[in-house]
Amino acid sequence: MTRMISEVYNAFRKAGVPEDDARQAAEALSAENLATKADIIEVKRELSVVKWMLGIVIAAQILPLLRAIGAI
């Protein structure tokens, strides 16, 4: 079950937000749905690996093409 911040929920309800919308917004802002600094660092690390892999794949496709046209 998703946790929610009751203070946020109560504030939304006092502001006139419908119950379902207030509940969904409070659940979205709960700590379990927020990324931590460690999460962001891990994603950056994974993206750098993906970038290197993509570079290798592009080079593996372009080099034979350049050899075929005599550029290398």
C-alpha atoms as a PDB file:
ATOM      1  CA  MET A   1       0.000   0.000   0.000  1.00  0.00           C
ATOM      2  CA  THR A   2       1.264   3.444  -0.873  1.00  0.00           C
ATOM      3  CA  ARG A   3       2.032   5.817   1.969  1.00  0.00           C
ATOM      4  CA  MET A   4       1.021   9.439   1.866  1.00  0.00           C
ATOM      5  CA  ILE A   5       1.858  12.601   3.755  1.00  0.00           C
ATOM      6  CA  SER A   6      -1.177  13.396   5.863  1.00  0.00           C
ATOM      7  CA  GLU A   7      -0.263  17.076   6.203  1.00  0.00           C
ATOM      8  CA  VAL A   8      -0.223  17.466   2.423  1.00  0.00           C
ATOM      9  CA  TYR A   9      -3.493  15.581   2.117  1.00  0.00           C
ATOM     10  CA  ASN A  10      -5.149  17.765   4.774  1.00  0.00           C
ATOM     11  CA  ALA A  11      -3.845  20.954   3.148  1.00  0.00           C
ATOM     12  CA  PHE A  12      -5.246  19.921  -0.216  1.00  0.00           C
ATOM     13  CA  ARG A  13      -8.596  19.037   1.334  1.00  0.00           C
ATOM     14  CA  LYS A  14      -8.762  22.425   3.122  1.00  0.00           C
ATOM     15  CA  ALA A  15      -7.998  24.113  -0.210  1.00  0.00           C
ATOM     16  CA  GLY A  16     -11.035  22.437  -1.733  1.00  0.00           C
ATOM     17  CA  VAL A  17      -9.318  19.715  -3.752  1.00  0.00           C
ATOM     18  CA  PRO A  18     -11.513  16.618  -4.241  1.00  0.00           C
ATOM     19  CA  GLU A  19     -10.680  13.698  -1.950  1.00  0.00           C
ATOM     20  CA  ASP A  20      -9.312  11.376  -4.656  1.00  0.00           C
ATOM     21  CA  ASP A  21      -7.110  14.084  -6.153  1.00  0.00           C
ATOM     22  CA  ALA A  22      -5.798  15.112  -2.717  1.00  0.00           C
ATOM     23  CA  ARG A  23      -4.976  11.496  -1.859  1.00  0.00           C
ATOM     24  CA  GLN A  24      -3.174  10.898  -5.163  1.00  0.00           C
ATOM     25  CA  ALA A  25      -1.156  14.102  -4.823  1.00  0.00           C
ATOM     26  CA  ALA A  26      -0.144  13.275  -1.230  1.00  0.00           C
ATOM     27  CA  GLU A  27       0.899   9.772  -2.298  1.00  0.00           C
ATOM     28  CA  ALA A  28       2.949  11.167  -5.188  1.00  0.00           C
ATOM     29  CA  LEU A  29       4.833  13.430  -2.782  1.00  0.00           C
ATOM     30  CA  SER A  30       5.583  10.682  -0.262  1.00  0.00           C
ATOM     31  CA  ALA A  31       9.224   9.804   0.383  1.00  0.00           C
ATOM     32  CA  GLU A  32       8.994   6.386  -1.223  1.00  0.00           C
ATOM     33  CA  ASN A  33       8.258   7.973  -4.593  1.00  0.00           C
ATOM     34  CA  LEU A  34      11.066  10.534  -4.495  1.00  0.00           C
ATOM     35  CA  ALA A  35      14.532   9.893  -5.889  1.00  0.00           C
ATOM     36  CA  THR A  36      17.446  10.173  -3.486  1.00  0.00           C
ATOM     37  CA  LYS A  37      20.869  11.526  -4.359  1.00  0.00           C
ATOM     38  CA  ALA A  38      22.154   7.941  -4.466  1.00  0.00           C
ATOM     39  CA  ASP A  39      19.428   7.028  -6.975  1.00  0.00           C
ATOM     40  CA  ILE A  40      20.440   9.906  -9.232  1.00  0.00           C
ATOM     41  CA  ILE A  41      24.146   8.984  -9.031  1.00  0.00           C
ATOM     42  CA  GLU A  42      23.316   5.387  -9.955  1.00  0.00           C
ATOM     43  CA  VAL A  43      21.275   6.503 -12.961  1.00  0.00           C
ATOM     44  CA  LYS A  44      24.099   8.794 -14.120  1.00  0.00           C
ATOM     45  CA  ARG A  45      26.573   5.916 -13.811  1.00  0.00           C
ATOM     46  CA  GLU A  46      24.304   3.636 -15.845  1.00  0.00           C
ATOM     47  CA  LEU A  47      23.813   6.329 -18.489  1.00  0.00           C
ATOM     48  CA  SER A  48      27.553   6.763 -18.913  1.00  0.00           C
ATOM     49  CA  VAL A  49      27.874   3.019 -19.576  1.00  0.00           C
ATOM     50  CA  VAL A  50      25.049   3.218 -22.123  1.00  0.00           C
ATOM     51  CA  LYS A  51      26.776   6.145 -23.845  1.00  0.00           C
ATOM     52  CA  TRP A  52      30.018   4.166 -24.171  1.00  0.00           C
ATOM     53  CA  MET A  53      28.148   1.142 -25.509  1.00  0.00           C
ATOM     54  CA  LEU A  54      26.329   3.297 -28.058  1.00  0.00           C
ATOM     55  CA  GLY A  55      29.631   4.836 -29.170  1.00  0.00           C
ATOM     56  CA  ILE A  56      31.129   1.391 -29.719  1.00  0.00           C
ATOM     57  CA  VAL A  57      28.097   0.253 -31.719  1.00  0.00           C
ATOM     58  CA  ILE A  58      28.202   3.372 -33.892  1.00  0.00           C
ATOM     59  CA  ALA A  59      31.933   2.934 -34.500  1.00  0.00           C
ATOM     60  CA  ALA A  60      31.400  -0.739 -35.386  1.00  0.00           C
ATOM     61  CA  GLN A  61      28.845   0.311 -38.000  1.00  0.00           C
ATOM     62  CA  ILE A  62      30.683   3.343 -39.423  1.00  0.00           C
ATOM     63  CA  LEU A  63      34.230   1.931 -39.727  1.00  0.00           C
ATOM     64  CA  PRO A  64      33.336  -0.840 -42.216  1.00  0.00           C
ATOM     65  CA  LEU A  65      31.383   1.711 -44.253  1.00  0.00           C
ATOM     66  CA  LEU A  66      34.357   4.077 -44.367  1.00  0.00           C
ATOM     67  CA  ARG A  67      36.683   1.228 -45.370  1.00  0.00           C
ATOM     68  CA  ALA A  68      34.299   0.211 -48.136  1.00  0.00           C
ATOM     69  CA  ILE A  69      34.327   3.688 -49.700  1.00  0.00           C
ATOM     70  CA  GLY A  70      38.100   3.973 -49.307  1.00  0.00           C
ATOM     71  CA  ALA A  71      38.158   6.763 -46.745  1.00  0.00           C
ATOM     72  CA  ILE A  72      40.362   4.768 -44.383  1.00  0.00           C
END
